[in-house]
């Protein structure tokens, strides 16, 4: 699915063109900006803008250093951390099940302190090496460490 669409080029008119490799590998298609008139599509677009901003603004996501620290096959949840040598950290907690997990405990959280949660807003949970959170079905939450 992720390889289905790829930015190809800009036309002389300045329109961005995509290629649909699944159906027409050699025929570019114009972006359909009208799709953003739909509220659900606008929310998805804003979500991806937010994740792109996190990636470009957080050095921990630019190093390739990653460590999985939580795996729960029964609940189908795993968590990993990315970091850099200067102390920047990001944690991703992902629920791969079709169940809502209320009060789910992520033990051995990488560091005590304040973490900014990026996928639901600006709430900053305090944790003492354990994080309790509500995870929706097929949801991932992204936390970045906040220096105090």
N, C-alpha and C. Protein backbone atom coordinates (compact mmCIF):
# COMPACT_ATOMS: atom_id res chain seq x y z
N UNK A 1 0.81 -1.19 0.00
CA UNK A 1 0.00 0.00 0.00
C UNK A 1 0.86 1.26 0.00
N UNK A 2 1.94 1.27 0.79
CA UNK A 2 2.76 2.47 0.87
C UNK A 2 3.54 2.70 -0.41
N UNK A 3 3.79 1.68 -1.20
CA UNK A 3 4.54 1.83 -2.43
C UNK A 3 3.63 2.13 -3.61
N UNK A 4 2.32 2.15 -3.38
CA UNK A 4 1.39 2.35 -4.46
C UNK A 4 1.49 3.76 -5.04
N UNK A 5 1.69 4.76 -4.20
CA UNK A 5 1.76 6.15 -4.65
C UNK A 5 3.16 6.70 -4.41
N UNK A 6 3.65 7.46 -5.35
CA UNK A 6 4.98 8.03 -5.21
C UNK A 6 5.03 9.35 -5.98
N UNK A 7 5.60 10.41 -5.39
CA UNK A 7 5.73 11.67 -6.09
C UNK A 7 6.66 11.47 -7.26
N UNK A 8 6.23 11.86 -8.43
CA UNK A 8 7.02 11.67 -9.63
C UNK A 8 7.77 12.93 -10.03
N UNK A 9 7.02 14.02 -10.23
CA UNK A 9 7.64 15.25 -10.71
C UNK A 9 6.63 16.37 -10.61
N UNK A 10 7.06 17.59 -10.93
CA UNK A 10 6.14 18.71 -11.07
C UNK A 10 5.99 19.03 -12.54
N UNK A 11 4.77 19.37 -12.95
CA UNK A 11 4.51 19.72 -14.34
C UNK A 11 4.97 21.15 -14.57
N UNK A 12 4.96 21.57 -15.83
CA UNK A 12 5.33 22.94 -16.17
C UNK A 12 4.39 23.95 -15.50
N UNK A 13 3.17 23.53 -15.24
CA UNK A 13 2.20 24.41 -14.58
C UNK A 13 2.41 24.46 -13.08
N UNK A 14 3.32 23.67 -12.53
CA UNK A 14 3.60 23.66 -11.11
C UNK A 14 2.78 22.66 -10.31
N UNK A 15 1.93 21.87 -10.99
CA UNK A 15 1.15 20.85 -10.30
C UNK A 15 2.04 19.68 -9.93
N UNK A 16 1.84 19.14 -8.74
CA UNK A 16 2.55 17.92 -8.37
C UNK A 16 1.84 16.75 -9.01
N UNK A 17 2.61 15.81 -9.49
CA UNK A 17 2.05 14.67 -10.20
C UNK A 17 2.44 13.40 -9.47
N UNK A 18 1.49 12.49 -9.33
CA UNK A 18 1.73 11.20 -8.71
C UNK A 18 1.59 10.11 -9.76
N UNK A 19 2.22 9.00 -9.53
CA UNK A 19 2.04 7.84 -10.40
C UNK A 19 1.43 6.72 -9.59
N UNK A 20 0.42 6.10 -10.12
CA UNK A 20 -0.22 4.96 -9.49
C UNK A 20 0.40 3.71 -10.09
N UNK A 21 1.35 3.12 -9.37
CA UNK A 21 2.08 1.97 -9.90
C UNK A 21 1.22 0.73 -10.04
N UNK A 22 0.15 0.65 -9.28
CA UNK A 22 -0.68 -0.54 -9.34
C UNK A 22 -1.49 -0.62 -10.63
N UNK A 23 -1.95 0.54 -11.13
CA UNK A 23 -2.83 0.53 -12.29
C UNK A 23 -2.17 1.04 -13.56
N UNK A 24 -1.45 2.14 -13.49
CA UNK A 24 -0.83 2.74 -14.66
C UNK A 24 0.57 3.19 -14.31
N UNK A 25 1.54 2.32 -14.41
CA UNK A 25 2.88 2.65 -13.92
C UNK A 25 3.57 3.79 -14.66
N UNK A 26 3.18 4.09 -15.88
CA UNK A 26 3.89 5.12 -16.63
C UNK A 26 3.06 6.35 -16.90
N UNK A 27 1.87 6.45 -16.30
CA UNK A 27 1.01 7.60 -16.54
C UNK A 27 0.85 8.41 -15.26
N UNK A 28 1.37 9.64 -15.24
CA UNK A 28 1.21 10.48 -14.05
C UNK A 28 -0.23 10.95 -13.90
N UNK A 29 -0.62 11.23 -12.65
CA UNK A 29 -1.95 11.74 -12.35
C UNK A 29 -1.80 12.97 -11.47
N UNK A 30 -2.66 13.96 -11.68
CA UNK A 30 -2.63 15.16 -10.86
C UNK A 30 -3.18 14.86 -9.47
N UNK A 31 -2.66 15.59 -8.50
CA UNK A 31 -3.17 15.48 -7.14
C UNK A 31 -4.61 16.00 -7.12
N UNK A 32 -5.46 15.34 -6.39
CA UNK A 32 -6.86 15.76 -6.29
C UNK A 32 -7.05 16.50 -4.97
N UNK A 33 -6.71 17.78 -4.98
CA UNK A 33 -6.80 18.59 -3.76
C UNK A 33 -8.24 18.70 -3.27
N UNK A 34 -9.20 18.49 -4.13
CA UNK A 34 -10.61 18.56 -3.72
C UNK A 34 -10.94 17.49 -2.67
N UNK A 35 -10.13 16.46 -2.59
CA UNK A 35 -10.36 15.43 -1.57
C UNK A 35 -10.25 16.00 -0.16
N UNK A 36 -9.55 17.12 -0.01
CA UNK A 36 -9.40 17.73 1.31
C UNK A 36 -10.66 18.48 1.75
N UNK A 37 -11.67 18.54 0.89
CA UNK A 37 -12.95 19.12 1.29
C UNK A 37 -13.67 18.22 2.28
N UNK A 38 -13.34 16.95 2.28
CA UNK A 38 -13.91 15.97 3.20
C UNK A 38 -13.20 16.09 4.55
N UNK A 39 -13.97 16.21 5.64
CA UNK A 39 -13.39 16.40 6.98
C UNK A 39 -12.43 15.28 7.36
N UNK A 40 -12.80 14.05 7.08
CA UNK A 40 -11.94 12.91 7.44
C UNK A 40 -10.60 12.98 6.70
N UNK A 41 -10.63 13.36 5.44
CA UNK A 41 -9.39 13.49 4.68
C UNK A 41 -8.53 14.64 5.21
N UNK A 42 -9.18 15.75 5.61
CA UNK A 42 -8.42 16.87 6.19
C UNK A 42 -7.73 16.46 7.48
N UNK A 43 -8.44 15.67 8.30
CA UNK A 43 -7.84 15.21 9.55
C UNK A 43 -6.66 14.29 9.27
N UNK A 44 -6.78 13.40 8.31
CA UNK A 44 -5.68 12.50 7.95
C UNK A 44 -4.50 13.30 7.41
N UNK A 45 -4.78 14.28 6.56
CA UNK A 45 -3.73 15.14 6.02
C UNK A 45 -3.01 15.88 7.14
N UNK A 46 -3.76 16.44 8.10
CA UNK A 46 -3.16 17.16 9.23
C UNK A 46 -2.33 16.21 10.09
N UNK A 47 -2.81 14.98 10.27
CA UNK A 47 -2.08 13.98 11.04
C UNK A 47 -0.71 13.70 10.41
N UNK A 48 -0.69 13.50 9.10
CA UNK A 48 0.58 13.23 8.43
C UNK A 48 1.48 14.46 8.44
N UNK A 49 0.91 15.66 8.34
CA UNK A 49 1.72 16.86 8.44
C UNK A 49 2.41 16.92 9.81
N UNK A 50 1.67 16.56 10.84
CA UNK A 50 2.20 16.57 12.20
C UNK A 50 3.33 15.55 12.34
N UNK A 51 3.15 14.36 11.80
CA UNK A 51 4.21 13.34 11.88
C UNK A 51 5.44 13.73 11.08
N UNK A 52 5.23 14.36 9.93
CA UNK A 52 6.37 14.83 9.13
C UNK A 52 7.13 15.91 9.89
N UNK A 53 6.40 16.81 10.55
CA UNK A 53 7.05 17.85 11.36
C UNK A 53 7.85 17.23 12.50
N UNK A 54 7.29 16.22 13.15
CA UNK A 54 8.03 15.54 14.22
C UNK A 54 9.33 14.96 13.68
N UNK A 55 9.26 14.30 12.54
CA UNK A 55 10.46 13.68 11.96
C UNK A 55 11.52 14.72 11.61
N UNK A 56 11.10 15.84 11.06
CA UNK A 56 12.08 16.85 10.65
C UNK A 56 12.61 17.66 11.83
N UNK A 57 11.83 17.77 12.91
CA UNK A 57 12.23 18.60 14.05
C UNK A 57 12.93 17.81 15.16
N UNK A 58 12.82 16.50 15.16
CA UNK A 58 13.37 15.72 16.26
C UNK A 58 14.58 14.91 15.79
N UNK A 59 15.77 15.26 16.26
CA UNK A 59 17.00 14.59 15.82
C UNK A 59 17.03 13.09 16.13
N UNK A 60 16.27 12.63 17.12
CA UNK A 60 16.26 11.20 17.45
C UNK A 60 15.75 10.36 16.29
N UNK A 61 14.90 10.93 15.46
CA UNK A 61 14.33 10.19 14.34
C UNK A 61 15.20 10.26 13.09
N UNK A 62 16.34 10.87 13.21
CA UNK A 62 17.23 11.03 12.06
C UNK A 62 18.52 10.23 12.19
N UNK A 63 18.63 9.41 13.25
CA UNK A 63 19.90 8.71 13.49
C UNK A 63 19.88 7.24 13.08
N UNK A 64 18.73 6.62 13.08
CA UNK A 64 18.66 5.19 12.81
C UNK A 64 18.90 4.33 14.03
N UNK A 65 19.09 4.94 15.19
CA UNK A 65 19.29 4.17 16.43
C UNK A 65 17.92 3.80 16.98
N UNK A 66 17.66 2.52 17.11
CA UNK A 66 16.35 2.04 17.53
C UNK A 66 16.52 0.84 18.45
N UNK A 67 15.68 0.77 19.47
CA UNK A 67 15.70 -0.37 20.40
C UNK A 67 14.27 -0.72 20.78
N UNK A 68 13.89 -1.97 20.58
CA UNK A 68 12.59 -2.45 21.02
C UNK A 68 12.70 -2.81 22.50
N UNK A 69 11.83 -2.24 23.32
CA UNK A 69 11.93 -2.49 24.76
C UNK A 69 10.66 -3.09 25.35
N UNK A 70 9.61 -3.22 24.58
CA UNK A 70 8.37 -3.79 25.12
C UNK A 70 7.70 -4.61 24.03
N UNK A 71 7.46 -5.88 24.33
CA UNK A 71 6.74 -6.76 23.40
C UNK A 71 5.74 -7.58 24.21
N UNK A 72 4.50 -7.57 23.77
CA UNK A 72 3.46 -8.35 24.41
C UNK A 72 2.67 -9.07 23.31
N UNK A 73 3.07 -10.30 22.98
CA UNK A 73 2.40 -11.03 21.89
C UNK A 73 0.92 -11.30 22.15
N UNK A 74 0.55 -11.48 23.42
CA UNK A 74 -0.85 -11.77 23.73
C UNK A 74 -1.74 -10.56 23.44
N UNK A 75 -1.28 -9.38 23.80
CA UNK A 75 -2.05 -8.16 23.53
C UNK A 75 -1.74 -7.57 22.16
N UNK A 76 -0.69 -8.07 21.52
CA UNK A 76 -0.24 -7.59 20.21
C UNK A 76 0.19 -6.13 20.27
N UNK A 77 0.98 -5.83 21.30
CA UNK A 77 1.51 -4.47 21.50
C UNK A 77 3.03 -4.54 21.55
N UNK A 78 3.67 -3.60 20.90
CA UNK A 78 5.11 -3.47 21.07
C UNK A 78 5.47 -1.99 21.14
N UNK A 79 6.64 -1.72 21.70
CA UNK A 79 7.12 -0.35 21.83
C UNK A 79 8.61 -0.32 21.54
N UNK A 80 9.03 0.77 20.93
CA UNK A 80 10.46 0.94 20.67
C UNK A 80 10.83 2.40 20.89
N UNK A 81 12.12 2.62 21.05
CA UNK A 81 12.63 3.97 21.23
C UNK A 81 13.69 4.27 20.18
N UNK A 82 13.73 5.51 19.76
CA UNK A 82 14.79 6.04 18.89
C UNK A 82 15.48 7.14 19.68
N UNK A 83 16.77 7.34 19.48
CA UNK A 83 17.49 8.34 20.24
C UNK A 83 18.72 8.81 19.48
N UNK A 84 19.31 9.89 20.00
CA UNK A 84 20.61 10.33 19.51
C UNK A 84 21.52 10.56 20.71
N UNK A 85 22.77 10.84 20.47
CA UNK A 85 23.77 10.97 21.53
C UNK A 85 23.57 12.22 22.38
N UNK A 86 22.83 13.22 21.87
CA UNK A 86 22.62 14.46 22.60
C UNK A 86 21.45 14.37 23.58
N UNK A 87 20.75 13.24 23.63
CA UNK A 87 19.67 13.06 24.60
C UNK A 87 18.27 13.16 24.04
N UNK A 88 18.14 13.39 22.75
CA UNK A 88 16.82 13.42 22.14
C UNK A 88 16.28 11.99 22.07
N UNK A 89 15.00 11.81 22.45
CA UNK A 89 14.39 10.47 22.47
C UNK A 89 12.97 10.54 21.94
N UNK A 90 12.58 9.49 21.26
CA UNK A 90 11.20 9.30 20.81
C UNK A 90 10.82 7.87 21.11
N UNK A 91 9.59 7.67 21.58
CA UNK A 91 9.07 6.33 21.84
C UNK A 91 7.78 6.15 21.03
N UNK A 92 7.65 4.99 20.40
CA UNK A 92 6.43 4.62 19.69
C UNK A 92 5.85 3.40 20.37
N UNK A 93 4.56 3.47 20.73
CA UNK A 93 3.84 2.34 21.31
C UNK A 93 2.73 2.00 20.33
N UNK A 94 2.72 0.76 19.83
CA UNK A 94 1.76 0.37 18.79
C UNK A 94 0.92 -0.82 19.23
N UNK A 95 -0.38 -0.71 18.99
CA UNK A 95 -1.35 -1.77 19.26
C UNK A 95 -1.76 -2.37 17.93
N UNK A 96 -1.40 -3.62 17.69
CA UNK A 96 -1.73 -4.30 16.45
C UNK A 96 -2.93 -5.23 16.60
N UNK A 97 -3.76 -4.97 17.61
CA UNK A 97 -4.93 -5.82 17.82
C UNK A 97 -6.19 -5.05 17.45
N UNK A 98 -7.30 -5.77 17.39
CA UNK A 98 -8.59 -5.15 17.11
C UNK A 98 -9.35 -4.82 18.39
N UNK A 99 -8.60 -4.73 19.51
CA UNK A 99 -9.20 -4.43 20.82
C UNK A 99 -8.69 -3.09 21.35
N UNK A 100 -9.61 -2.33 21.97
CA UNK A 100 -9.23 -1.12 22.70
C UNK A 100 -8.60 -1.57 24.01
N UNK A 101 -7.44 -1.05 24.35
CA UNK A 101 -6.73 -1.43 25.56
C UNK A 101 -6.72 -0.25 26.53
N UNK A 102 -7.62 -0.28 27.51
CA UNK A 102 -7.72 0.79 28.50
C UNK A 102 -6.71 0.55 29.62
N UNK A 103 -6.01 1.60 30.01
CA UNK A 103 -5.06 1.50 31.11
C UNK A 103 -3.93 0.53 30.85
N UNK A 104 -3.49 0.43 29.61
CA UNK A 104 -2.41 -0.50 29.27
C UNK A 104 -1.10 0.00 29.87
N UNK A 105 -0.35 -0.90 30.50
CA UNK A 105 0.92 -0.55 31.15
C UNK A 105 2.09 -0.89 30.25
N UNK A 106 2.92 0.09 29.97
CA UNK A 106 4.17 -0.12 29.25
C UNK A 106 5.28 -0.02 30.30
N UNK A 107 5.84 -1.18 30.66
CA UNK A 107 6.90 -1.23 31.67
C UNK A 107 8.24 -0.91 31.04
N UNK A 108 9.21 -0.59 31.89
CA UNK A 108 10.59 -0.30 31.46
C UNK A 108 10.65 0.84 30.44
N UNK A 109 9.81 1.87 30.66
CA UNK A 109 9.85 3.03 29.78
C UNK A 109 11.25 3.61 29.82
N UNK A 110 11.80 4.09 28.72
CA UNK A 110 13.22 4.45 28.64
C UNK A 110 13.73 5.50 29.62
N UNK A 111 12.90 6.44 30.03
CA UNK A 111 13.40 7.48 30.94
C UNK A 111 12.26 8.08 31.73
N UNK A 112 12.55 8.43 32.98
CA UNK A 112 11.57 9.16 33.79
C UNK A 112 11.49 10.58 33.26
N UNK A 113 10.37 11.22 33.53
CA UNK A 113 10.24 12.62 33.15
C UNK A 113 8.97 12.88 32.36
N UNK A 114 8.97 13.98 31.65
CA UNK A 114 7.81 14.42 30.89
C UNK A 114 7.99 14.05 29.42
N UNK A 115 6.94 13.47 28.87
CA UNK A 115 6.94 13.07 27.47
C UNK A 115 5.77 13.74 26.77
N UNK A 116 6.00 14.30 25.60
CA UNK A 116 4.93 14.91 24.81
C UNK A 116 4.36 13.85 23.88
N UNK A 117 3.05 13.67 23.94
CA UNK A 117 2.38 12.70 23.08
C UNK A 117 1.94 13.42 21.82
N UNK A 118 2.38 12.94 20.66
CA UNK A 118 2.18 13.66 19.40
C UNK A 118 0.92 13.28 18.65
N UNK A 119 0.37 12.12 18.86
CA UNK A 119 -0.74 11.68 18.02
C UNK A 119 -2.11 12.06 18.55
N UNK A 120 -2.20 12.43 19.81
CA UNK A 120 -3.49 12.84 20.39
C UNK A 120 -3.51 14.28 20.84
N UNK A 121 -2.41 14.95 20.76
CA UNK A 121 -2.35 16.34 21.20
C UNK A 121 -1.15 16.59 22.06
N UNK A 122 -1.24 17.58 22.90
CA UNK A 122 -0.08 18.04 23.67
C UNK A 122 -0.08 17.58 25.12
N UNK A 123 -0.78 16.51 25.44
CA UNK A 123 -0.74 16.08 26.83
C UNK A 123 0.65 15.56 27.16
N UNK A 124 1.09 15.78 28.35
CA UNK A 124 2.45 15.41 28.75
C UNK A 124 2.40 14.49 29.95
N UNK A 125 2.32 13.20 29.74
CA UNK A 125 2.26 12.30 30.89
C UNK A 125 3.59 12.23 31.62
N UNK A 126 3.52 12.20 32.93
CA UNK A 126 4.71 11.95 33.75
C UNK A 126 4.81 10.44 33.94
N UNK A 127 5.98 9.91 33.87
CA UNK A 127 6.09 8.47 34.07
C UNK A 127 7.27 8.17 34.98
N UNK A 128 7.12 7.10 35.70
CA UNK A 128 8.17 6.62 36.59
C UNK A 128 8.57 5.23 36.10
N UNK A 129 9.19 5.21 34.91
CA UNK A 129 9.63 3.97 34.24
C UNK A 129 8.47 3.06 33.87
N UNK A 130 7.22 3.54 34.05
CA UNK A 130 6.05 2.81 33.58
C UNK A 130 5.05 3.85 33.07
N UNK A 131 4.48 3.57 31.92
CA UNK A 131 3.49 4.48 31.35
C UNK A 131 2.17 3.75 31.23
N UNK A 132 1.10 4.37 31.72
CA UNK A 132 -0.25 3.84 31.58
C UNK A 132 -0.96 4.67 30.52
N UNK A 133 -1.53 4.00 29.54
CA UNK A 133 -2.21 4.73 28.49
C UNK A 133 -3.36 3.91 27.92
N UNK A 134 -4.26 4.59 27.26
CA UNK A 134 -5.34 3.95 26.54
C UNK A 134 -4.93 3.85 25.08
N UNK A 135 -4.93 2.64 24.55
CA UNK A 135 -4.54 2.41 23.16
C UNK A 135 -5.75 1.92 22.38
N UNK A 136 -6.11 2.65 21.36
CA UNK A 136 -7.20 2.23 20.49
C UNK A 136 -6.78 1.05 19.63
N UNK A 137 -7.75 0.38 19.06
CA UNK A 137 -7.44 -0.73 18.17
C UNK A 137 -6.65 -0.21 16.97
N UNK A 138 -5.59 -0.94 16.64
CA UNK A 138 -4.69 -0.60 15.53
C UNK A 138 -4.15 0.83 15.63
N UNK A 139 -3.86 1.27 16.83
CA UNK A 139 -3.37 2.62 17.05
C UNK A 139 -1.92 2.60 17.48
N UNK A 140 -1.19 3.63 17.07
CA UNK A 140 0.16 3.85 17.57
C UNK A 140 0.21 5.24 18.18
N UNK A 141 0.91 5.37 19.29
CA UNK A 141 1.11 6.67 19.91
C UNK A 141 2.61 6.97 19.91
N UNK A 142 2.93 8.23 19.69
CA UNK A 142 4.32 8.66 19.55
C UNK A 142 4.62 9.68 20.65
N UNK A 143 5.66 9.40 21.43
CA UNK A 143 6.05 10.27 22.54
C UNK A 143 7.45 10.80 22.30
N UNK A 144 7.65 12.09 22.59
CA UNK A 144 9.00 12.66 22.54
C UNK A 144 9.36 13.16 23.93
N UNK A 145 10.60 12.97 24.31
CA UNK A 145 11.08 13.35 25.64
C UNK A 145 11.22 14.86 25.71
N UNK A 146 10.72 15.44 26.79
CA UNK A 146 10.79 16.88 27.00
C UNK A 146 11.83 17.17 28.08
N UNK A 147 12.86 17.90 27.72
CA UNK A 147 13.88 18.30 28.69
C UNK A 147 13.25 19.20 29.74
N UNK A 148 13.61 19.00 31.00
CA UNK A 148 13.06 19.84 32.07
C UNK A 148 14.12 20.72 32.66
